[in-house]
Amino acid sequence: MIILEELFKNLTEFRHYAPYSETNIEFKDLNSSASSARKQICIILSKEVYDIVLKKEGEIHDALLTAMANLTLAKQLVFDVVKQRKSDVDIYKYEMEAMRRAYIENYFSGMDTLIQLLNKEDSLEEWKNSRYCKLLSSLRIQTAEDFDFLYSIDLSYLFFFRIIPFQKEVLDEGLTGYFERAVDNQDIKYLLLHALAKSTIAIALRRLDILDFPCTIRNLFEDSKVMRYGTQEQERMLTLADQLLSEVQETLKKVDMLLSNNDSGIIDTETSFNAPDDKIFLMP
C-alpha cells in the first residue's frame, strides 16, 4: 500500500503542501519515510483519530496533509542527499539543515493547527479517549495556553502534547505531594506550576532533539540556526536543563519555607532555632 496515495490525488497536490519537493519523485519512493511520519503523527493523535481526520474536509484535513507531507520530506531528506552524492552533486551540510528545519517548521504548523481544531471538536469521542488526552486529566497544566504562560513554547499545541509524559513524570516523582500540601494557597500553587513547567522542559532538553522544540527554545542555541555541531549542541542543552533544575530547587526551597509557616505567621527556618544552652543577653 502506498501511504501518500491515501492523502494526495497526485504529486502536484503534494507539492502544494510541501513546496520545493523534487519534481521527478514518485510516491512509492517516499513510502518508507511516509510510513515513519504516519507512525509519529499517530503517536500523538492515535490511529483512530488519524483515520477520521483523513476522511474529513476543510481546514482540519488540510492541516493533516501539511503535517504528513512535510514530515515525510524531512525524513526522506537524508536519503535524497546520499542519492545526490552518488551522482556527484554537492550538497552542503548547512543547506541540508536549512531544508530539514523548514520542513520541520511546516510540520509543526500543520500539527499545531490540527490539534487546536481537534480540541474544539467536542463531539469527537475518539480524540477524547486518545492516550494523551486521557493523561491530561491527571496533570496540573492541562492546556498549551497555560503552559505557554508559565514557560514560553510559542503556544505550540504539538510540543505541549509531546511533553505530556514528561509532565506526568515530574508529578509522579514528588511534585504532586507539594500540590496536595498547598491546598488552597494560590500563591504557592503558582510557584509550583512554574517549577513544574521548568522541570518538564528540563527533561525534554535531555531526551528530545533540538529540532523537536519550538522556535523560542531552539533560538537559544546558535548552532541550530546555521550549522549544527552535535557535541556542542548537546552540551548546551544539558547546561540549560541543569540551569532550569537549579531554578526549580530554589523555587521549592521558597515553597518549603512558606509551607512551614505556622498559625502565628512566623516562618521556621534552619536558623530560627536556639539550642537549650544558648544564652540570650538583653542589651540596655
C-alpha atoms as a PDB file:
ATOM      1  CA  MET A   1       0.000   0.000   0.000  1.00  0.00           C
ATOM      2  CA  ILE A   2       1.329   3.434  -0.978  1.00  0.00           C
ATOM      3  CA  ILE A   3       0.526   5.630   2.035  1.00  0.00           C
ATOM      4  CA  LEU A   4       0.694   9.022   0.319  1.00  0.00           C
ATOM      5  CA  GLU A   5      -1.848   7.926  -2.296  1.00  0.00           C
ATOM      6  CA  GLU A   6      -4.425   7.834   0.524  1.00  0.00           C
ATOM      7  CA  LEU A   7      -3.830  11.510   1.222  1.00  0.00           C
ATOM      8  CA  PHE A   8      -2.952  13.172  -2.080  1.00  0.00           C
ATOM      9  CA  LYS A   9      -4.528  12.907  -5.517  1.00  0.00           C
ATOM     10  CA  ASN A  10      -1.227  13.438  -7.293  1.00  0.00           C
ATOM     11  CA  LEU A  11       2.267  14.911  -6.936  1.00  0.00           C
ATOM     12  CA  THR A  12       1.016  18.373  -7.883  1.00  0.00           C
ATOM     13  CA  GLU A  13      -1.251  18.411  -4.828  1.00  0.00           C
ATOM     14  CA  PHE A  14       1.571  17.009  -2.704  1.00  0.00           C
ATOM     15  CA  ARG A  15       3.889  19.858  -3.732  1.00  0.00           C
ATOM     16  CA  HIS A  16       1.140  22.323  -2.832  1.00  0.00           C
ATOM     17  CA  TYR A  17       1.530  21.275   0.826  1.00  0.00           C
ATOM     18  CA  ALA A  18       5.297  20.705   0.698  1.00  0.00           C
ATOM     19  CA  PRO A  19       6.891  23.276  -1.645  1.00  0.00           C
ATOM     20  CA  TYR A  20      10.232  22.696  -3.358  1.00  0.00           C
ATOM     21  CA  SER A  21       9.925  18.921  -3.253  1.00  0.00           C
ATOM     22  CA  GLU A  22      11.584  17.032  -6.111  1.00  0.00           C
ATOM     23  CA  THR A  23       9.630  17.135  -9.366  1.00  0.00           C
ATOM     24  CA  ASN A  24      10.780  13.700 -10.541  1.00  0.00           C
ATOM     25  CA  ILE A  25       9.972  11.798  -7.349  1.00  0.00           C
ATOM     26  CA  GLU A  26       7.182   9.232  -7.049  1.00  0.00           C
ATOM     27  CA  PHE A  27       5.001   8.351  -4.074  1.00  0.00           C
ATOM     28  CA  LYS A  28       6.430   4.841  -3.934  1.00  0.00           C
ATOM     29  CA  ASP A  29       9.913   6.304  -3.431  1.00  0.00           C
ATOM     30  CA  LEU A  30       8.654   8.135  -0.336  1.00  0.00           C
ATOM     31  CA  ASN A  31       6.700   5.252   1.146  1.00  0.00           C
ATOM     32  CA  SER A  32       9.161   4.233   3.881  1.00  0.00           C
ATOM     33  CA  SER A  33       9.519   7.839   5.049  1.00  0.00           C
ATOM     34  CA  ALA A  34       5.744   8.334   4.872  1.00  0.00           C
ATOM     35  CA  SER A  35       5.231   5.227   6.999  1.00  0.00           C
ATOM     36  CA  SER A  36       7.582   6.611   9.657  1.00  0.00           C
ATOM     37  CA  ALA A  37       5.878  10.017   9.501  1.00  0.00           C
ATOM     38  CA  ARG A  38       2.416   8.478   9.901  1.00  0.00           C
ATOM     39  CA  LYS A  39       3.567   6.466  12.912  1.00  0.00           C
ATOM     40  CA  GLN A  40       4.982   9.597  14.573  1.00  0.00           C
ATOM     41  CA  ILE A  41       1.757  11.530  13.998  1.00  0.00           C
ATOM     42  CA  CYS A  42      -0.406   8.637  15.200  1.00  0.00           C
ATOM     43  CA  ILE A  43       1.520   8.520  18.476  1.00  0.00           C
ATOM     44  CA  ILE A  44       0.015  11.930  19.228  1.00  0.00           C
ATOM     45  CA  LEU A  45      -3.377  11.578  17.551  1.00  0.00           C
ATOM     46  CA  SER A  46      -3.999   7.805  17.749  1.00  0.00           C
ATOM     47  CA  LYS A  47      -4.645   5.766  14.598  1.00  0.00           C
ATOM     48  CA  GLU A  48      -8.423   6.075  15.039  1.00  0.00           C
ATOM     49  CA  VAL A  49      -8.310   9.872  15.047  1.00  0.00           C
ATOM     50  CA  TYR A  50      -5.871   9.895  12.119  1.00  0.00           C
ATOM     51  CA  ASP A  51      -8.288   7.813  10.028  1.00  0.00           C
ATOM     52  CA  ILE A  52     -11.231  10.052  10.980  1.00  0.00           C
ATOM     53  CA  VAL A  53      -9.401  13.277  10.068  1.00  0.00           C
ATOM     54  CA  LEU A  54      -8.302  11.684   6.801  1.00  0.00           C
ATOM     55  CA  LYS A  55     -11.968  11.408   5.756  1.00  0.00           C
ATOM     56  CA  LYS A  56     -12.911  14.922   6.862  1.00  0.00           C
ATOM     57  CA  GLU A  57     -12.842  18.057   4.718  1.00  0.00           C
ATOM     58  CA  GLY A  58     -11.750  21.620   5.264  1.00  0.00           C
ATOM     59  CA  GLU A  59      -9.051  23.139   7.462  1.00  0.00           C
ATOM     60  CA  ILE A  60      -8.551  20.138   9.736  1.00  0.00           C
ATOM     61  CA  HIS A  61      -7.923  17.872   6.726  1.00  0.00           C
ATOM     62  CA  ASP A  62      -5.526  20.396   5.177  1.00  0.00           C
ATOM     63  CA  ALA A  63      -3.606  20.557   8.466  1.00  0.00           C
ATOM     64  CA  LEU A  64      -3.069  16.788   8.422  1.00  0.00           C
ATOM     65  CA  LEU A  65      -1.891  16.894   4.801  1.00  0.00           C
ATOM     66  CA  THR A  66       0.561  19.693   5.643  1.00  0.00           C
ATOM     67  CA  ALA A  67       1.943  17.741   8.589  1.00  0.00           C
ATOM     68  CA  MET A  68       2.279  14.464   6.662  1.00  0.00           C
ATOM     69  CA  ALA A  69       3.842  15.977   3.540  1.00  0.00           C
ATOM     70  CA  ASN A  70       6.469  17.997   5.367  1.00  0.00           C
ATOM     71  CA  LEU A  71       7.399  15.363   7.959  1.00  0.00           C
ATOM     72  CA  THR A  72       7.741  12.809   5.163  1.00  0.00           C
ATOM     73  CA  LEU A  73      10.186  15.030   3.283  1.00  0.00           C
ATOM     74  CA  ALA A  74      12.108  15.858   6.475  1.00  0.00           C
ATOM     75  CA  LYS A  75      12.655  12.123   6.997  1.00  0.00           C
ATOM     76  CA  GLN A  76      13.390  11.500   3.319  1.00  0.00           C
ATOM     77  CA  LEU A  77      15.974  14.281   3.081  1.00  0.00           C
ATOM     78  CA  VAL A  78      18.957  12.228   4.211  1.00  0.00           C
ATOM     79  CA  PHE A  79      18.261   9.587   1.537  1.00  0.00           C
ATOM     80  CA  ASP A  80      17.974  12.271  -1.125  1.00  0.00           C
ATOM     81  CA  VAL A  81      21.327  13.715  -0.071  1.00  0.00           C
ATOM     82  CA  VAL A  82      23.026  10.321  -0.322  1.00  0.00           C
ATOM     83  CA  LYS A  83      21.454   9.805  -3.742  1.00  0.00           C
ATOM     84  CA  GLN A  84      22.720  13.153  -4.988  1.00  0.00           C
ATOM     85  CA  ARG A  85      26.176  12.499  -3.555  1.00  0.00           C
ATOM     86  CA  LYS A  86      26.366   9.320  -5.602  1.00  0.00           C
ATOM     87  CA  SER A  87      25.502  11.419  -8.644  1.00  0.00           C
ATOM     88  CA  ASP A  88      28.419  13.778  -7.816  1.00  0.00           C
ATOM     89  CA  VAL A  89      26.085  16.599  -6.794  1.00  0.00           C
ATOM     90  CA  ASP A  90      27.498  18.584  -3.876  1.00  0.00           C
ATOM     91  CA  ILE A  91      25.092  19.267  -1.018  1.00  0.00           C
ATOM     92  CA  TYR A  92      26.429  21.338   1.859  1.00  0.00           C
ATOM     93  CA  LYS A  93      25.514  20.484   5.422  1.00  0.00           C
ATOM     94  CA  TYR A  94      24.084  23.938   6.146  1.00  0.00           C
ATOM     95  CA  GLU A  95      21.826  23.621   3.089  1.00  0.00           C
ATOM     96  CA  MET A  96      20.539  20.235   4.219  1.00  0.00           C
ATOM     97  CA  GLU A  97      19.943  21.504   7.775  1.00  0.00           C
ATOM     98  CA  ALA A  98      18.120  24.584   6.486  1.00  0.00           C
ATOM     99  CA  MET A  99      15.841  22.436   4.340  1.00  0.00           C
ATOM    100  CA  ARG A 100      15.142  19.998   7.153  1.00  0.00           C
ATOM    101  CA  ARG A 101      14.435  22.860   9.556  1.00  0.00           C
ATOM    102  CA  ALA A 102      11.974  24.390   7.076  1.00  0.00           C
ATOM    103  CA  TYR A 103      10.140  21.073   6.670  1.00  0.00           C
ATOM    104  CA  ILE A 104      10.002  20.568  10.449  1.00  0.00           C
ATOM    105  CA  GLU A 105       8.608  24.078  10.983  1.00  0.00           C
ATOM    106  CA  ASN A 106       5.877  23.405   8.410  1.00  0.00           C
ATOM    107  CA  TYR A 107       5.162  20.105  10.150  1.00  0.00           C
ATOM    108  CA  PHE A 108       4.852  21.932  13.492  1.00  0.00           C
ATOM    109  CA  SER A 109       2.488  24.447  11.910  1.00  0.00           C
ATOM    110  CA  GLY A 110       0.261  21.716  10.496  1.00  0.00           C
ATOM    111  CA  MET A 111       0.169  19.727  13.739  1.00  0.00           C
ATOM    112  CA  ASP A 112      -0.440  22.817  15.882  1.00  0.00           C
ATOM    113  CA  THR A 113      -3.451  23.695  13.738  1.00  0.00           C
ATOM    114  CA  LEU A 114      -4.679  20.103  13.695  1.00  0.00           C
ATOM    115  CA  ILE A 115      -4.531  19.633  17.488  1.00  0.00           C
ATOM    116  CA  GLN A 116      -6.073  23.061  18.113  1.00  0.00           C
ATOM    117  CA  LEU A 117      -9.007  22.158  15.857  1.00  0.00           C
ATOM    118  CA  LEU A 118      -9.375  18.722  17.450  1.00  0.00           C
ATOM    119  CA  ASN A 119      -9.634  20.373  20.855  1.00  0.00           C
ATOM    120  CA  LYS A 120     -12.637  22.283  19.514  1.00  0.00           C
ATOM    121  CA  GLU A 121     -14.264  19.103  18.210  1.00  0.00           C
ATOM    122  CA  ASP A 122     -16.365  18.451  21.322  1.00  0.00           C
ATOM    123  CA  SER A 123     -18.217  15.584  19.682  1.00  0.00           C
ATOM    124  CA  LEU A 124     -15.136  13.597  18.648  1.00  0.00           C
ATOM    125  CA  GLU A 125     -15.039  10.892  21.333  1.00  0.00           C
ATOM    126  CA  GLU A 126     -12.068   9.136  19.716  1.00  0.00           C
ATOM    127  CA  TRP A 127      -9.934  12.216  20.379  1.00  0.00           C
ATOM    128  CA  LYS A 128     -11.117  12.498  23.985  1.00  0.00           C
ATOM    129  CA  ASN A 129     -10.278   8.826  24.512  1.00  0.00           C
ATOM    130  CA  SER A 130      -6.830   9.029  22.949  1.00  0.00           C
ATOM    131  CA  ARG A 131      -3.848   8.234  25.155  1.00  0.00           C
ATOM    132  CA  TYR A 132      -2.557  11.787  25.528  1.00  0.00           C
ATOM    133  CA  CYS A 133      -5.965  13.338  26.172  1.00  0.00           C
ATOM    134  CA  LYS A 134      -6.606  10.798  28.913  1.00  0.00           C
ATOM    135  CA  LEU A 135      -3.277  11.621  30.538  1.00  0.00           C
ATOM    136  CA  LEU A 136      -4.192  15.317  30.607  1.00  0.00           C
ATOM    137  CA  SER A 137      -6.925  14.758  33.188  1.00  0.00           C
ATOM    138  CA  SER A 138      -4.315  13.780  35.802  1.00  0.00           C
ATOM    139  CA  LEU A 139      -1.973  16.711  35.137  1.00  0.00           C
ATOM    140  CA  ARG A 140      -1.741  20.143  36.748  1.00  0.00           C
ATOM    141  CA  ILE A 141      -1.085  22.030  33.483  1.00  0.00           C
ATOM    142  CA  GLN A 142      -3.838  20.919  31.145  1.00  0.00           C
ATOM    143  CA  THR A 143      -3.671  23.347  28.219  1.00  0.00           C
ATOM    144  CA  ALA A 144      -0.977  24.665  25.903  1.00  0.00           C
ATOM    145  CA  GLU A 145      -2.152  28.194  26.733  1.00  0.00           C
ATOM    146  CA  ASP A 146      -1.477  27.687  30.455  1.00  0.00           C
ATOM    147  CA  PHE A 147       1.927  26.110  29.808  1.00  0.00           C
ATOM    148  CA  ASP A 148       2.907  28.930  27.466  1.00  0.00           C
ATOM    149  CA  PHE A 149       2.036  31.436  30.172  1.00  0.00           C
ATOM    150  CA  LEU A 150       4.385  29.680  32.615  1.00  0.00           C
ATOM    151  CA  TYR A 151       7.211  28.973  30.133  1.00  0.00           C
ATOM    152  CA  SER A 152       7.122  30.153  26.535  1.00  0.00           C
ATOM    153  CA  ILE A 153       6.630  27.359  23.994  1.00  0.00           C
ATOM    154  CA  ASP A 154       5.347  29.563  21.146  1.00  0.00           C
ATOM    155  CA  LEU A 155       1.870  28.307  22.036  1.00  0.00           C
ATOM    156  CA  SER A 156       2.757  25.062  20.259  1.00  0.00           C
ATOM    157  CA  TYR A 157      -0.027  22.530  20.774  1.00  0.00           C
ATOM    158  CA  LEU A 158       2.174  19.808  19.284  1.00  0.00           C
ATOM    159  CA  PHE A 159       5.059  20.434  21.675  1.00  0.00           C
ATOM    160  CA  PHE A 160       2.683  20.640  24.641  1.00  0.00           C
ATOM    161  CA  PHE A 161       1.227  17.225  23.785  1.00  0.00           C
ATOM    162  CA  ARG A 162       4.695  15.820  23.095  1.00  0.00           C
ATOM    163  CA  ILE A 163       5.848  16.620  26.641  1.00  0.00           C
ATOM    164  CA  ILE A 164       2.723  15.356  28.420  1.00  0.00           C
ATOM    165  CA  PRO A 165       4.551  12.173  29.576  1.00  0.00           C
ATOM    166  CA  PHE A 166       7.390  14.318  30.946  1.00  0.00           C
ATOM    167  CA  GLN A 167       4.982  16.453  32.953  1.00  0.00           C
ATOM    168  CA  LYS A 168       3.420  13.305  34.397  1.00  0.00           C
ATOM    169  CA  GLU A 169       6.883  12.003  35.276  1.00  0.00           C
ATOM    170  CA  VAL A 170       7.728  15.174  37.215  1.00  0.00           C
ATOM    171  CA  LEU A 171       4.459  14.976  39.142  1.00  0.00           C
ATOM    172  CA  ASP A 172       4.906  11.278  39.911  1.00  0.00           C
ATOM    173  CA  GLU A 173       8.419  11.843  41.221  1.00  0.00           C
ATOM    174  CA  GLY A 174       7.278  14.087  44.066  1.00  0.00           C
ATOM    175  CA  LEU A 175       5.764  17.331  42.911  1.00  0.00           C
ATOM    176  CA  THR A 176       2.227  16.022  43.380  1.00  0.00           C
ATOM    177  CA  GLY A 177       2.857  15.936  47.129  1.00  0.00           C
ATOM    178  CA  TYR A 178       3.708  19.636  47.108  1.00  0.00           C
ATOM    179  CA  PHE A 179       0.444  20.469  45.344  1.00  0.00           C
ATOM    180  CA  GLU A 180      -1.521  18.414  47.870  1.00  0.00           C
ATOM    181  CA  ARG A 181       0.144  20.245  50.758  1.00  0.00           C
ATOM    182  CA  ALA A 182      -0.535  23.627  49.170  1.00  0.00           C
ATOM    183  CA  VAL A 183      -4.305  23.002  49.463  1.00  0.00           C
ATOM    184  CA  ASP A 184      -5.978  26.331  48.550  1.00  0.00           C
ATOM    185  CA  ASN A 185      -2.932  28.592  48.740  1.00  0.00           C
ATOM    186  CA  GLN A 186      -2.917  30.117  45.255  1.00  0.00           C
ATOM    187  CA  ASP A 187       0.438  31.868  45.712  1.00  0.00           C
ATOM    188  CA  ILE A 188       2.185  28.594  46.496  1.00  0.00           C
ATOM    189  CA  LYS A 189       0.378  26.805  43.668  1.00  0.00           C
ATOM    190  CA  TYR A 190       1.583  29.470  41.245  1.00  0.00           C
ATOM    191  CA  LEU A 191       5.187  28.850  42.333  1.00  0.00           C
ATOM    192  CA  LEU A 192       4.687  25.103  41.971  1.00  0.00           C
ATOM    193  CA  LEU A 193       3.274  25.472  38.467  1.00  0.00           C
ATOM    194  CA  HIS A 194       6.390  27.389  37.438  1.00  0.00           C
ATOM    195  CA  ALA A 195       8.539  24.651  38.952  1.00  0.00           C
ATOM    196  CA  LEU A 196       6.523  22.002  37.121  1.00  0.00           C
ATOM    197  CA  ALA A 197       6.861  23.743  33.757  1.00  0.00           C
ATOM    198  CA  LYS A 198      10.628  24.229  34.127  1.00  0.00           C
ATOM    199  CA  SER A 199      11.176  20.647  35.298  1.00  0.00           C
ATOM    200  CA  THR A 200       9.208  19.361  32.319  1.00  0.00           C
ATOM    201  CA  ILE A 201      11.287  21.414  29.881  1.00  0.00           C
ATOM    202  CA  ALA A 202      14.474  20.208  31.595  1.00  0.00           C
ATOM    203  CA  ILE A 203      13.521  16.570  30.970  1.00  0.00           C
ATOM    204  CA  ALA A 204      12.641  17.387  27.362  1.00  0.00           C
ATOM    205  CA  LEU A 205      16.052  19.004  26.841  1.00  0.00           C
ATOM    206  CA  ARG A 206      17.730  15.786  27.938  1.00  0.00           C
ATOM    207  CA  ARG A 207      15.628  13.469  25.763  1.00  0.00           C
ATOM    208  CA  LEU A 208      14.486  15.263  22.606  1.00  0.00           C
ATOM    209  CA  ASP A 209      16.346  16.552  19.568  1.00  0.00           C
ATOM    210  CA  ILE A 210      16.615  20.332  19.420  1.00  0.00           C
ATOM    211  CA  LEU A 211      14.514  20.370  16.221  1.00  0.00           C
ATOM    212  CA  ASP A 212      11.623  18.957  18.254  1.00  0.00           C
ATOM    213  CA  PHE A 213      11.411  22.238  20.199  1.00  0.00           C
ATOM    214  CA  PRO A 214       9.514  25.440  19.306  1.00  0.00           C
ATOM    215  CA  CYS A 215      11.472  28.350  17.817  1.00  0.00           C
ATOM    216  CA  THR A 216      11.749  30.300  21.080  1.00  0.00           C
ATOM    217  CA  ILE A 217      13.705  27.468  22.686  1.00  0.00           C
ATOM    218  CA  ARG A 218      15.612  26.471  19.531  1.00  0.00           C
ATOM    219  CA  ASN A 219      16.873  30.020  19.118  1.00  0.00           C
ATOM    220  CA  LEU A 220      18.719  29.733  22.409  1.00  0.00           C
ATOM    221  CA  PHE A 221      21.187  27.512  20.585  1.00  0.00           C
ATOM    222  CA  GLU A 222      23.237  29.310  17.976  1.00  0.00           C
ATOM    223  CA  ASP A 223      24.198  26.058  16.266  1.00  0.00           C
ATOM    224  CA  SER A 224      20.576  25.325  15.435  1.00  0.00           C
ATOM    225  CA  LYS A 225      20.370  28.416  13.233  1.00  0.00           C
ATOM    226  CA  VAL A 226      23.145  27.800  10.734  1.00  0.00           C
ATOM    227  CA  MET A 227      25.174  24.630  11.261  1.00  0.00           C
ATOM    228  CA  ARG A 228      24.659  22.029  13.937  1.00  0.00           C
ATOM    229  CA  TYR A 229      27.572  20.581  15.887  1.00  0.00           C
ATOM    230  CA  GLY A 230      26.208  17.610  17.806  1.00  0.00           C
ATOM    231  CA  THR A 231      28.562  17.635  20.793  1.00  0.00           C
ATOM    232  CA  GLN A 232      28.422  21.384  21.469  1.00  0.00           C
ATOM    233  CA  GLU A 233      24.672  21.468  20.960  1.00  0.00           C
ATOM    234  CA  GLN A 234      24.112  18.596  23.384  1.00  0.00           C
ATOM    235  CA  GLU A 235      26.320  20.260  25.985  1.00  0.00           C
ATOM    236  CA  ARG A 236      24.329  23.487  25.762  1.00  0.00           C
ATOM    237  CA  MET A 237      21.058  21.620  26.073  1.00  0.00           C
ATOM    238  CA  LEU A 238      22.311  19.829  29.178  1.00  0.00           C
ATOM    239  CA  THR A 239      23.578  23.132  30.595  1.00  0.00           C
ATOM    240  CA  LEU A 240      20.174  24.758  30.126  1.00  0.00           C
ATOM    241  CA  ALA A 241      18.494  21.716  31.677  1.00  0.00           C
ATOM    242  CA  ASP A 242      20.770  21.983  34.724  1.00  0.00           C
ATOM    243  CA  GLN A 243      20.061  25.709  34.970  1.00  0.00           C
ATOM    244  CA  LEU A 244      16.311  25.117  34.924  1.00  0.00           C
ATOM    245  CA  LEU A 245      16.569  22.383  37.567  1.00  0.00           C
ATOM    246  CA  SER A 246      18.636  24.711  39.740  1.00  0.00           C
ATOM    247  CA  GLU A 247      15.893  27.349  39.460  1.00  0.00           C
ATOM    248  CA  VAL A 248      13.328  24.693  40.368  1.00  0.00           C
ATOM    249  CA  GLN A 249      15.259  23.776  43.506  1.00  0.00           C
ATOM    250  CA  GLU A 250      15.348  27.423  44.567  1.00  0.00           C
ATOM    251  CA  THR A 251      11.612  27.689  43.989  1.00  0.00           C
ATOM    252  CA  LEU A 252      10.956  24.564  46.065  1.00  0.00           C
ATOM    253  CA  LYS A 253      13.046  25.986  48.910  1.00  0.00           C
ATOM    254  CA  LYS A 254      10.743  29.016  48.931  1.00  0.00           C
ATOM    255  CA  VAL A 255       7.731  26.710  48.881  1.00  0.00           C
ATOM    256  CA  ASP A 256       9.119  24.677  51.801  1.00  0.00           C
ATOM    257  CA  MET A 257       9.573  27.876  53.764  1.00  0.00           C
ATOM    258  CA  LEU A 258       6.032  29.029  53.013  1.00  0.00           C
ATOM    259  CA  LEU A 259       4.551  25.641  53.859  1.00  0.00           C
ATOM    260  CA  SER A 260       6.358  25.603  57.203  1.00  0.00           C
ATOM    261  CA  ASN A 261       4.640  28.860  58.162  1.00  0.00           C
ATOM    262  CA  ASN A 262       2.663  28.268  61.356  1.00  0.00           C
ATOM    263  CA  ASP A 263      -0.522  29.925  62.565  1.00  0.00           C
ATOM    264  CA  SER A 264       1.341  32.759  64.249  1.00  0.00           C
ATOM    265  CA  GLY A 265       2.738  33.859  60.932  1.00  0.00           C
ATOM    266  CA  ILE A 266       6.324  33.024  61.959  1.00  0.00           C
ATOM    267  CA  ILE A 267       8.280  31.140  59.334  1.00  0.00           C
ATOM    268  CA  ASP A 268      10.582  28.457  60.727  1.00  0.00           C
ATOM    269  CA  THR A 269      13.920  28.222  59.028  1.00  0.00           C
ATOM    270  CA  GLU A 270      17.112  26.351  59.900  1.00  0.00           C
ATOM    271  CA  THR A 271      18.480  29.485  61.595  1.00  0.00           C
ATOM    272  CA  SER A 272      15.405  30.247  63.697  1.00  0.00           C
ATOM    273  CA  PHE A 273      16.019  27.637  66.386  1.00  0.00           C
ATOM    274  CA  ASN A 274      18.110  28.193  69.555  1.00  0.00           C
ATOM    275  CA  ALA A 275      19.873  25.401  71.382  1.00  0.00           C
ATOM    276  CA  PRO A 276      18.746  24.867  75.033  1.00  0.00           C
ATOM    277  CA  ASP A 277      22.089  26.065  76.398  1.00  0.00           C
ATOM    278  CA  ASP A 278      22.160  29.240  74.309  1.00  0.00           C
ATOM    279  CA  LYS A 279      22.381  32.375  76.467  1.00  0.00           C
ATOM    280  CA  ILE A 280      20.350  35.380  75.465  1.00  0.00           C
ATOM    281  CA  PHE A 281      21.574  38.777  76.602  1.00  0.00           C
ATOM    282  CA  LEU A 282      19.338  41.828  76.528  1.00  0.00           C
ATOM    283  CA  MET A 283      21.314  44.994  75.926  1.00  0.00           C
ATOM    284  CA  PRO A 284      20.094  48.243  77.539  1.00  0.00           C
END
